[in-house]
Amino acid sequence: MGDRPAELGVLLASVAAQEGDPATVVVLGQGVKLPLLPDDVVGVELPENLGIPGGRNAGMDRLRELGGVDIVVVLDDDGLLPRTDTFRLVQEAFAANPRLGVAGFRIADETGASQRRHVPRPGGKNPMVSGPVTTFLGGGHAIRMTVIDQVGDFPTPFFYAHEETDFAWRALDAGWEIDYRADMVLQHPRTPASRHKVYYRNTARNRVWLARRHLPAALIPVYLAAWAAYTLVQRPPLSGLAAWWTGFFEGLRVPCPPRQPMRWRTVWQMTRLGRPPVI
């Protein structure tokens, strides 16, 4: 967004410090002018803010134009890589498992602690344990480019919230695997998700769109009822709750095509991994 030039510089320095051959690095500006970048970094300035998924798609398009990229690593501009072997670990993970589609990083603050919401398992269970999961964190992850080519881009209409889950469900349904890797770390300031003005509205709207796009018809009401109940139990502020219901009914009213329901085999796979698509 162009408002973190110092943090961006630290991130780029941590990327340049990675072991092995230099990576192809693209910095995307969402409707803003980018700061001065290192000579070996490609800058892309979009004329408007397309949101998180739209921006990522534009970045992927630029990487395709540059060529020679088989694994894409996505990093938040206010994060940094505290270890110098992260890219090597990424390469080794994808080389070892041809069905690995996405590797999600562990998000940790400057003390090394991870928030529960940053662990992609029900209940935010032990962030130090790696393993197969059903979704990944947007702030730090790696995707095999062939997966993007097969299942399609991130859903631009989502703008913010749950675009990773939308992509993850499509990848799982196409037969790819998703791993959470505790040893691949993105250091990121500890922040509440609700800091974003559109958090409650977009969270609700995009949950409905997720269900309408990808769940078997019988699971849609179960999924939406579960998330409505969960939201009420969390006791958000009245203003947040009002925005949440606004987004919920917007998701019901406004279509987000195309509908591509996952197979029941994928539902069973997610259930075996501890997160059936009703939780």
C-alpha atoms as a PDB file:
ATOM      1  CA  MET A   1       0.000   0.000   0.000  1.00  0.00           C
ATOM      2  CA  GLY A   2       3.040   2.275  -0.064  1.00  0.00           C
ATOM      3  CA  ASP A   3       2.863   3.276   3.613  1.00  0.00           C
ATOM      4  CA  ARG A   4       5.617   1.004   4.970  1.00  0.00           C
ATOM      5  CA  PRO A   5       8.819   1.893   3.084  1.00  0.00           C
ATOM      6  CA  ALA A   6      11.088   1.128   6.039  1.00  0.00           C
ATOM      7  CA  GLU A   7       9.462  -2.258   6.692  1.00  0.00           C
ATOM      8  CA  LEU A   8       9.598  -3.078   2.988  1.00  0.00           C
ATOM      9  CA  GLY A   9      13.308  -2.356   2.939  1.00  0.00           C
ATOM     10  CA  VAL A  10      13.895  -4.731   5.858  1.00  0.00           C
ATOM     11  CA  LEU A  11      11.833  -7.443   4.142  1.00  0.00           C
ATOM     12  CA  LEU A  12      13.761  -7.099   0.885  1.00  0.00           C
ATOM     13  CA  ALA A  13      17.063  -7.285   2.778  1.00  0.00           C
ATOM     14  CA  SER A  14      15.929 -10.544   4.409  1.00  0.00           C
ATOM     15  CA  VAL A  15      14.978 -11.920   0.979  1.00  0.00           C
ATOM     16  CA  ALA A  16      18.364 -10.934  -0.476  1.00  0.00           C
ATOM     17  CA  ALA A  17      20.075 -12.709   2.442  1.00  0.00           C
ATOM     18  CA  GLN A  18      18.543 -16.091   1.553  1.00  0.00           C
ATOM     19  CA  GLU A  19      20.955 -18.915   0.789  1.00  0.00           C
ATOM     20  CA  GLY A  20      21.379 -20.164  -2.765  1.00  0.00           C
ATOM     21  CA  ASP A  21      20.764 -18.505  -6.095  1.00  0.00           C
ATOM     22  CA  PRO A  22      19.020 -15.107  -5.987  1.00  0.00           C
ATOM     23  CA  ALA A  23      15.255 -15.199  -6.307  1.00  0.00           C
ATOM     24  CA  THR A  24      13.229 -13.257  -8.843  1.00  0.00           C
ATOM     25  CA  VAL A  25      11.634 -10.543  -6.697  1.00  0.00           C
ATOM     26  CA  VAL A  26       8.526  -8.529  -7.581  1.00  0.00           C
ATOM     27  CA  VAL A  27       7.101  -5.741  -5.410  1.00  0.00           C
ATOM     28  CA  LEU A  28       3.529  -4.787  -6.162  1.00  0.00           C
ATOM     29  CA  GLY A  29       2.102  -1.326  -5.455  1.00  0.00           C
ATOM     30  CA  GLN A  30      -1.672  -1.155  -5.092  1.00  0.00           C
ATOM     31  CA  GLY A  31      -2.685   2.197  -6.534  1.00  0.00           C
ATOM     32  CA  VAL A  32       0.394   3.917  -5.099  1.00  0.00           C
ATOM     33  CA  LYS A  33       3.836   4.956  -6.269  1.00  0.00           C
ATOM     34  CA  LEU A  34       6.487   2.536  -5.068  1.00  0.00           C
ATOM     35  CA  PRO A  35       9.554   3.746  -3.167  1.00  0.00           C
ATOM     36  CA  LEU A  36      13.006   3.403  -4.685  1.00  0.00           C
ATOM     37  CA  LEU A  37      13.746  -0.309  -5.000  1.00  0.00           C
ATOM     38  CA  PRO A  38      17.029  -2.227  -5.361  1.00  0.00           C
ATOM     39  CA  ASP A  39      18.186  -2.612  -8.968  1.00  0.00           C
ATOM     40  CA  ASP A  40      17.450  -6.345  -9.017  1.00  0.00           C
ATOM     41  CA  VAL A  41      13.854  -5.946  -7.781  1.00  0.00           C
ATOM     42  CA  VAL A  42      10.984  -5.578 -10.258  1.00  0.00           C
ATOM     43  CA  GLY A  43       8.362  -3.025  -9.309  1.00  0.00           C
ATOM     44  CA  VAL A  44       4.760  -3.183 -10.534  1.00  0.00           C
ATOM     45  CA  GLU A  45       2.495  -0.183  -9.904  1.00  0.00           C
ATOM     46  CA  LEU A  46      -1.214  -0.848 -10.350  1.00  0.00           C
ATOM     47  CA  PRO A  47      -3.440   2.152 -11.136  1.00  0.00           C
ATOM     48  CA  GLU A  48      -5.852   1.170  -8.339  1.00  0.00           C
ATOM     49  CA  ASN A  49      -6.107  -1.009  -5.263  1.00  0.00           C
ATOM     50  CA  LEU A  50      -7.408  -4.399  -6.441  1.00  0.00           C
ATOM     51  CA  GLY A  51      -7.396  -5.888  -2.966  1.00  0.00           C
ATOM     52  CA  ILE A  52      -5.260  -8.757  -1.741  1.00  0.00           C
ATOM     53  CA  PRO A  53      -6.343 -11.417  -4.268  1.00  0.00           C
ATOM     54  CA  GLY A  54      -6.330  -9.035  -7.211  1.00  0.00           C
ATOM     55  CA  GLY A  55      -2.877  -7.796  -6.289  1.00  0.00           C
ATOM     56  CA  ARG A  56      -1.512 -11.304  -5.952  1.00  0.00           C
ATOM     57  CA  ASN A  57      -2.924 -12.224  -9.349  1.00  0.00           C
ATOM     58  CA  ALA A  58      -1.189  -9.214 -10.902  1.00  0.00           C
ATOM     59  CA  GLY A  59       2.062 -10.268  -9.266  1.00  0.00           C
ATOM     60  CA  MET A  60       1.687 -13.795 -10.630  1.00  0.00           C
ATOM     61  CA  ASP A  61       1.073 -12.389 -14.113  1.00  0.00           C
ATOM     62  CA  ARG A  62       4.294 -10.400 -13.930  1.00  0.00           C
ATOM     63  CA  LEU A  63       6.245 -13.467 -12.788  1.00  0.00           C
ATOM     64  CA  ARG A  64       4.848 -15.416 -15.735  1.00  0.00           C
ATOM     65  CA  GLU A  65       6.085 -12.676 -18.050  1.00  0.00           C
ATOM     66  CA  LEU A  66       9.545 -12.820 -16.498  1.00  0.00           C
ATOM     67  CA  GLY A  67       9.601 -16.612 -16.890  1.00  0.00           C
ATOM     68  CA  GLY A  68      11.597 -19.313 -15.174  1.00  0.00           C
ATOM     69  CA  VAL A  69       9.527 -19.298 -11.960  1.00  0.00           C
ATOM     70  CA  ASP A  70       8.211 -22.623 -10.681  1.00  0.00           C
ATOM     71  CA  ILE A  71       7.564 -21.752  -7.015  1.00  0.00           C
ATOM     72  CA  VAL A  72       6.015 -18.445  -5.921  1.00  0.00           C
ATOM     73  CA  VAL A  73       6.642 -17.155  -2.393  1.00  0.00           C
ATOM     74  CA  VAL A  74       4.199 -14.496  -1.175  1.00  0.00           C
ATOM     75  CA  LEU A  75       5.226 -12.243   1.735  1.00  0.00           C
ATOM     76  CA  ASP A  76       3.520  -9.362   3.547  1.00  0.00           C
ATOM     77  CA  ASP A  77       5.430  -6.110   3.199  1.00  0.00           C
ATOM     78  CA  ASP A  78       5.604  -5.578   6.983  1.00  0.00           C
ATOM     79  CA  GLY A  79       7.128  -9.004   7.592  1.00  0.00           C
ATOM     80  CA  LEU A  80      10.654 -10.361   7.303  1.00  0.00           C
ATOM     81  CA  LEU A  81      12.399 -13.716   7.029  1.00  0.00           C
ATOM     82  CA  PRO A  82      14.400 -14.219  10.251  1.00  0.00           C
ATOM     83  CA  ARG A  83      16.164 -17.303   8.865  1.00  0.00           C
ATOM     84  CA  THR A  84      18.443 -17.374   5.830  1.00  0.00           C
ATOM     85  CA  ASP A  85      17.526 -20.954   4.853  1.00  0.00           C
ATOM     86  CA  THR A  86      13.788 -20.423   4.246  1.00  0.00           C
ATOM     87  CA  PHE A  87      13.943 -20.473   0.455  1.00  0.00           C
ATOM     88  CA  ARG A  88      16.147 -23.576   0.571  1.00  0.00           C
ATOM     89  CA  LEU A  89      13.572 -25.284   2.804  1.00  0.00           C
ATOM     90  CA  VAL A  90      10.856 -24.305   0.329  1.00  0.00           C
ATOM     91  CA  GLN A  91      12.776 -25.775  -2.600  1.00  0.00           C
ATOM     92  CA  GLU A  92      13.486 -28.992  -0.714  1.00  0.00           C
ATOM     93  CA  ALA A  93       9.856 -29.399   0.358  1.00  0.00           C
ATOM     94  CA  PHE A  94       8.455 -29.075  -3.161  1.00  0.00           C
ATOM     95  CA  ALA A  95      11.176 -31.279  -4.648  1.00  0.00           C
ATOM     96  CA  ALA A  96      10.513 -34.014  -2.084  1.00  0.00           C
ATOM     97  CA  ASN A  97       6.742 -34.125  -2.668  1.00  0.00           C
ATOM     98  CA  PRO A  98       5.477 -33.716  -6.259  1.00  0.00           C
ATOM     99  CA  ARG A  99       1.880 -33.426  -4.942  1.00  0.00           C
ATOM    100  CA  LEU A 100       2.693 -30.546  -2.585  1.00  0.00           C
ATOM    101  CA  GLY A 101       0.781 -27.560  -3.924  1.00  0.00           C
ATOM    102  CA  VAL A 102       1.101 -25.028  -1.092  1.00  0.00           C
ATOM    103  CA  ALA A 103       3.456 -24.649   1.873  1.00  0.00           C
ATOM    104  CA  GLY A 104       2.149 -22.301   4.554  1.00  0.00           C
ATOM    105  CA  PHE A 105       4.651 -20.471   6.747  1.00  0.00           C
ATOM    106  CA  ARG A 106       4.464 -20.068  10.507  1.00  0.00           C
ATOM    107  CA  ILE A 107       3.678 -16.438  11.341  1.00  0.00           C
ATOM    108  CA  ALA A 108       5.499 -15.318  14.491  1.00  0.00           C
ATOM    109  CA  ASP A 109       6.017 -11.982  16.230  1.00  0.00           C
ATOM    110  CA  GLU A 110       9.391 -10.599  17.273  1.00  0.00           C
ATOM    111  CA  THR A 111       9.348 -12.824  20.391  1.00  0.00           C
ATOM    112  CA  GLY A 112       8.822 -15.959  18.287  1.00  0.00           C
ATOM    113  CA  ALA A 113       5.224 -16.456  19.463  1.00  0.00           C
ATOM    114  CA  SER A 114       2.402 -17.283  17.025  1.00  0.00           C
ATOM    115  CA  GLN A 115      -1.176 -16.123  17.464  1.00  0.00           C
ATOM    116  CA  ARG A 116      -3.814 -18.867  17.556  1.00  0.00           C
ATOM    117  CA  ARG A 117      -5.518 -17.413  14.488  1.00  0.00           C
ATOM    118  CA  HIS A 118      -2.276 -17.878  12.563  1.00  0.00           C
ATOM    119  CA  VAL A 119      -2.233 -21.653  13.046  1.00  0.00           C
ATOM    120  CA  PRO A 120      -4.431 -23.253  10.338  1.00  0.00           C
ATOM    121  CA  ARG A 121      -5.871 -25.968  12.563  1.00  0.00           C
ATOM    122  CA  PRO A 122      -9.070 -25.990  14.665  1.00  0.00           C
ATOM    123  CA  GLY A 123      -8.290 -24.369  17.981  1.00  0.00           C
ATOM    124  CA  GLY A 124      -4.917 -23.061  16.806  1.00  0.00           C
ATOM    125  CA  LYS A 125      -3.175 -26.199  18.077  1.00  0.00           C
ATOM    126  CA  ASN A 126       0.596 -26.272  18.639  1.00  0.00           C
ATOM    127  CA  PRO A 127       2.196 -23.814  16.168  1.00  0.00           C
ATOM    128  CA  MET A 128       5.516 -25.679  16.364  1.00  0.00           C
ATOM    129  CA  VAL A 129       4.122 -28.855  14.780  1.00  0.00           C
ATOM    130  CA  SER A 130       4.267 -29.131  10.991  1.00  0.00           C
ATOM    131  CA  GLY A 131       1.856 -31.231   8.974  1.00  0.00           C
ATOM    132  CA  PRO A 132      -0.923 -31.421   6.371  1.00  0.00           C
ATOM    133  CA  VAL A 133      -3.711 -28.834   6.680  1.00  0.00           C
ATOM    134  CA  THR A 134      -6.703 -27.594   4.700  1.00  0.00           C
ATOM    135  CA  THR A 135      -5.760 -23.927   4.302  1.00  0.00           C
ATOM    136  CA  PHE A 136      -2.811 -21.548   4.679  1.00  0.00           C
ATOM    137  CA  LEU A 137      -1.899 -18.057   5.828  1.00  0.00           C
ATOM    138  CA  GLY A 138      -1.773 -15.310   3.234  1.00  0.00           C
ATOM    139  CA  GLY A 139       1.030 -13.337   4.868  1.00  0.00           C
ATOM    140  CA  GLY A 140       3.655 -15.976   4.142  1.00  0.00           C
ATOM    141  CA  HIS A 141       3.308 -18.980   1.868  1.00  0.00           C
ATOM    142  CA  ALA A 142       4.739 -20.711  -1.195  1.00  0.00           C
ATOM    143  CA  ILE A 143       2.695 -22.065  -4.125  1.00  0.00           C
ATOM    144  CA  ARG A 144       3.709 -24.260  -7.010  1.00  0.00           C
ATOM    145  CA  MET A 145       3.026 -22.270 -10.187  1.00  0.00           C
ATOM    146  CA  THR A 146       1.458 -25.278 -11.922  1.00  0.00           C
ATOM    147  CA  VAL A 147      -1.219 -25.336  -9.189  1.00  0.00           C
ATOM    148  CA  ILE A 148      -2.198 -21.759 -10.010  1.00  0.00           C
ATOM    149  CA  ASP A 149      -2.282 -22.608 -13.701  1.00  0.00           C
ATOM    150  CA  GLN A 150      -4.527 -25.593 -13.006  1.00  0.00           C
ATOM    151  CA  VAL A 151      -7.026 -24.298 -10.430  1.00  0.00           C
ATOM    152  CA  GLY A 152      -7.038 -20.606 -11.396  1.00  0.00           C
ATOM    153  CA  ASP A 153      -6.195 -17.311  -9.742  1.00  0.00           C
ATOM    154  CA  PHE A 154      -7.210 -15.988  -6.355  1.00  0.00           C
ATOM    155  CA  PRO A 155     -10.841 -14.721  -6.352  1.00  0.00           C
ATOM    156  CA  THR A 156     -10.537 -10.995  -7.072  1.00  0.00           C
ATOM    157  CA  PRO A 157     -14.130 -10.134  -5.961  1.00  0.00           C
ATOM    158  CA  PHE A 158     -13.243 -11.209  -2.392  1.00  0.00           C
ATOM    159  CA  PHE A 159     -10.894  -8.167  -2.126  1.00  0.00           C
ATOM    160  CA  TYR A 160      -9.926  -9.097   1.452  1.00  0.00           C
ATOM    161  CA  ALA A 161     -10.589 -12.144   3.687  1.00  0.00           C
ATOM    162  CA  HIS A 162     -10.732 -15.889   2.968  1.00  0.00           C
ATOM    163  CA  GLU A 163      -9.220 -15.699  -0.511  1.00  0.00           C
ATOM    164  CA  GLU A 164      -6.602 -18.229   0.665  1.00  0.00           C
ATOM    165  CA  THR A 165      -9.284 -20.673   1.805  1.00  0.00           C
ATOM    166  CA  ASP A 166     -11.050 -20.347  -1.544  1.00  0.00           C
ATOM    167  CA  PHE A 167      -7.793 -21.197  -3.316  1.00  0.00           C
ATOM    168  CA  ALA A 168      -6.968 -23.986  -0.853  1.00  0.00           C
ATOM    169  CA  TRP A 169     -10.307 -25.727  -1.334  1.00  0.00           C
ATOM    170  CA  ARG A 170      -9.851 -25.679  -5.103  1.00  0.00           C
ATOM    171  CA  ALA A 171      -6.310 -27.021  -4.787  1.00  0.00           C
ATOM    172  CA  LEU A 172      -7.386 -29.836  -2.464  1.00  0.00           C
ATOM    173  CA  ASP A 173     -10.250 -30.756  -4.775  1.00  0.00           C
ATOM    174  CA  ALA A 174      -7.766 -30.955  -7.671  1.00  0.00           C
ATOM    175  CA  GLY A 175      -5.667 -33.479  -5.728  1.00  0.00           C
ATOM    176  CA  TRP A 176      -2.936 -31.206  -4.373  1.00  0.00           C
ATOM    177  CA  GLU A 177      -1.648 -31.229  -0.785  1.00  0.00           C
ATOM    178  CA  ILE A 178      -1.175 -28.299   1.599  1.00  0.00           C
ATOM    179  CA  ASP A 179       1.426 -28.356   4.366  1.00  0.00           C
ATOM    180  CA  TYR A 180       1.874 -26.076   7.362  1.00  0.00           C
ATOM    181  CA  ARG A 181       5.608 -25.698   7.974  1.00  0.00           C
ATOM    182  CA  ALA A 182       6.671 -24.500  11.415  1.00  0.00           C
ATOM    183  CA  ASP A 183      10.292 -24.196  10.253  1.00  0.00           C
ATOM    184  CA  MET A 184       9.428 -21.720   7.491  1.00  0.00           C
ATOM    185  CA  VAL A 185       8.936 -18.538   9.497  1.00  0.00           C
ATOM    186  CA  LEU A 186       7.688 -15.092   8.588  1.00  0.00           C
ATOM    187  CA  GLN A 187       8.255 -12.619  11.404  1.00  0.00           C
ATOM    188  CA  HIS A 188       5.281 -10.258  11.518  1.00  0.00           C
ATOM    189  CA  PRO A 189       4.072  -7.713  14.093  1.00  0.00           C
ATOM    190  CA  ARG A 190       1.330  -8.979  16.417  1.00  0.00           C
ATOM    191  CA  THR A 191      -1.880  -7.325  15.220  1.00  0.00           C
ATOM    192  CA  PRO A 192      -5.641  -7.961  15.557  1.00  0.00           C
ATOM    193  CA  ALA A 193      -7.472  -9.032  12.409  1.00  0.00           C
ATOM    194  CA  SER A 194     -10.234  -6.541  13.219  1.00  0.00           C
ATOM    195  CA  ARG A 195      -7.864  -3.605  12.582  1.00  0.00           C
ATOM    196  CA  HIS A 196      -9.074  -3.566   8.980  1.00  0.00           C
ATOM    197  CA  LYS A 197     -12.198  -1.434   8.486  1.00  0.00           C
ATOM    198  CA  VAL A 198     -13.779  -4.016   6.193  1.00  0.00           C
ATOM    199  CA  TYR A 199     -12.955  -6.978   8.437  1.00  0.00           C
ATOM    200  CA  TYR A 200     -16.429  -7.866   9.734  1.00  0.00           C
ATOM    201  CA  ARG A 201     -18.307  -7.166   6.510  1.00  0.00           C
ATOM    202  CA  ASN A 202     -15.879  -8.950   4.206  1.00  0.00           C
ATOM    203  CA  THR A 203     -15.409 -11.874   6.575  1.00  0.00           C
ATOM    204  CA  ALA A 204     -19.148 -12.585   6.545  1.00  0.00           C
ATOM    205  CA  ARG A 205     -19.716 -11.914   2.848  1.00  0.00           C
ATOM    206  CA  ASN A 206     -16.790 -14.034   1.751  1.00  0.00           C
ATOM    207  CA  ARG A 207     -17.792 -16.904   4.048  1.00  0.00           C
ATOM    208  CA  VAL A 208     -21.127 -17.014   2.239  1.00  0.00           C
ATOM    209  CA  TRP A 209     -19.402 -16.827  -1.137  1.00  0.00           C
ATOM    210  CA  LEU A 210     -17.060 -19.654  -0.127  1.00  0.00           C
ATOM    211  CA  ALA A 211     -20.009 -21.869   0.708  1.00  0.00           C
ATOM    212  CA  ARG A 212     -21.982 -20.959  -2.394  1.00  0.00           C
ATOM    213  CA  ARG A 213     -18.987 -21.441  -4.671  1.00  0.00           C
ATOM    214  CA  HIS A 214     -17.484 -24.652  -3.341  1.00  0.00           C
ATOM    215  CA  LEU A 215     -19.599 -26.668  -0.904  1.00  0.00           C
ATOM    216  CA  PRO A 216     -22.007 -29.457  -1.805  1.00  0.00           C
ATOM    217  CA  ALA A 217     -25.533 -28.058  -1.469  1.00  0.00           C
ATOM    218  CA  ALA A 218     -26.313 -30.097   1.652  1.00  0.00           C
ATOM    219  CA  LEU A 219     -23.382 -28.542   3.550  1.00  0.00           C
ATOM    220  CA  ILE A 220     -24.046 -24.877   2.738  1.00  0.00           C
ATOM    221  CA  PRO A 221     -26.644 -24.198   5.471  1.00  0.00           C
ATOM    222  CA  VAL A 222     -24.631 -26.205   8.021  1.00  0.00           C
ATOM    223  CA  TYR A 223     -21.450 -24.240   7.286  1.00  0.00           C
ATOM    224  CA  LEU A 224     -23.172 -20.857   7.410  1.00  0.00           C
ATOM    225  CA  ALA A 225     -25.090 -21.696  10.600  1.00  0.00           C
ATOM    226  CA  ALA A 226     -21.857 -22.848  12.274  1.00  0.00           C
ATOM    227  CA  TRP A 227     -20.048 -19.632  11.401  1.00  0.00           C
ATOM    228  CA  ALA A 228     -22.971 -17.436  12.458  1.00  0.00           C
ATOM    229  CA  ALA A 229     -23.074 -19.215  15.814  1.00  0.00           C
ATOM    230  CA  TYR A 230     -19.305 -18.916  16.212  1.00  0.00           C
ATOM    231  CA  THR A 231     -19.436 -15.188  15.474  1.00  0.00           C
ATOM    232  CA  LEU A 232     -22.140 -14.599  18.075  1.00  0.00           C
ATOM    233  CA  VAL A 233     -20.189 -16.544  20.696  1.00  0.00           C
ATOM    234  CA  GLN A 234     -17.162 -14.320  20.049  1.00  0.00           C
ATOM    235  CA  ARG A 235     -19.292 -11.313  21.084  1.00  0.00           C
ATOM    236  CA  PRO A 236     -17.984  -8.724  18.605  1.00  0.00           C
ATOM    237  CA  PRO A 237     -18.811  -5.046  19.225  1.00  0.00           C
ATOM    238  CA  LEU A 238     -22.275  -3.984  18.118  1.00  0.00           C
ATOM    239  CA  SER A 239     -20.848  -2.040  15.192  1.00  0.00           C
ATOM    240  CA  GLY A 240     -18.863  -5.090  14.114  1.00  0.00           C
ATOM    241  CA  LEU A 241     -21.876  -7.373  14.466  1.00  0.00           C
ATOM    242  CA  ALA A 242     -23.989  -5.010  12.366  1.00  0.00           C
ATOM    243  CA  ALA A 243     -21.282  -4.963   9.686  1.00  0.00           C
ATOM    244  CA  TRP A 244     -21.049  -8.761   9.861  1.00  0.00           C
ATOM    245  CA  TRP A 245     -24.775  -9.230   9.208  1.00  0.00           C
ATOM    246  CA  THR A 246     -24.602  -6.667   6.409  1.00  0.00           C
ATOM    247  CA  GLY A 247     -21.862  -8.702   4.769  1.00  0.00           C
ATOM    248  CA  PHE A 248     -23.686 -11.977   5.394  1.00  0.00           C
ATOM    249  CA  PHE A 249     -26.815 -10.846   3.560  1.00  0.00           C
ATOM    250  CA  GLU A 250     -24.694  -9.243   0.843  1.00  0.00           C
ATOM    251  CA  GLY A 251     -23.121 -12.644   0.262  1.00  0.00           C
ATOM    252  CA  LEU A 252     -26.560 -14.188  -0.101  1.00  0.00           C
ATOM    253  CA  ARG A 253     -27.822 -11.429  -2.383  1.00  0.00           C
ATOM    254  CA  VAL A 254     -24.807 -10.844  -4.638  1.00  0.00           C
ATOM    255  CA  PRO A 255     -23.553 -13.755  -6.781  1.00  0.00           C
ATOM    256  CA  CYS A 256     -19.887 -14.650  -6.884  1.00  0.00           C
ATOM    257  CA  PRO A 257     -19.668 -17.094  -9.812  1.00  0.00           C
ATOM    258  CA  PRO A 258     -18.764 -19.613 -10.919  1.00  0.00           C
ATOM    259  CA  ARG A 259     -20.115 -22.373  -8.671  1.00  0.00           C
ATOM    260  CA  GLN A 260     -17.761 -25.347  -8.576  1.00  0.00           C
ATOM    261  CA  PRO A 261     -18.756 -27.631  -5.673  1.00  0.00           C
ATOM    262  CA  MET A 262     -16.015 -29.842  -4.297  1.00  0.00           C
ATOM    263  CA  ARG A 263     -16.291 -33.602  -4.464  1.00  0.00           C
ATOM    264  CA  TRP A 264     -17.453 -35.565  -1.437  1.00  0.00           C
ATOM    265  CA  ARG A 265     -14.051 -37.241  -1.532  1.00  0.00           C
ATOM    266  CA  THR A 266     -12.511 -33.845  -0.792  1.00  0.00           C
ATOM    267  CA  VAL A 267     -14.976 -33.332   2.064  1.00  0.00           C
ATOM    268  CA  TRP A 268     -13.834 -36.651   3.524  1.00  0.00           C
ATOM    269  CA  GLN A 269     -10.169 -35.749   3.038  1.00  0.00           C
ATOM    270  CA  MET A 270     -10.672 -32.468   4.930  1.00  0.00           C
ATOM    271  CA  THR A 271     -12.537 -34.342   7.660  1.00  0.00           C
ATOM    272  CA  ARG A 272      -9.629 -36.770   8.082  1.00  0.00           C
ATOM    273  CA  LEU A 273      -7.305 -33.779   8.419  1.00  0.00           C
ATOM    274  CA  GLY A 274      -9.419 -32.520  11.313  1.00  0.00           C
ATOM    275  CA  ARG A 275     -11.301 -29.746   9.564  1.00  0.00           C
ATOM    276  CA  PRO A 276     -14.445 -30.826   7.724  1.00  0.00           C
ATOM    277  CA  PRO A 277     -15.810 -27.915   5.668  1.00  0.00           C
ATOM    278  CA  VAL A 278     -18.532 -27.130   8.205  1.00  0.00           C
ATOM    279  CA  ILE A 279     -16.097 -25.824  10.876  1.00  0.00           C
END
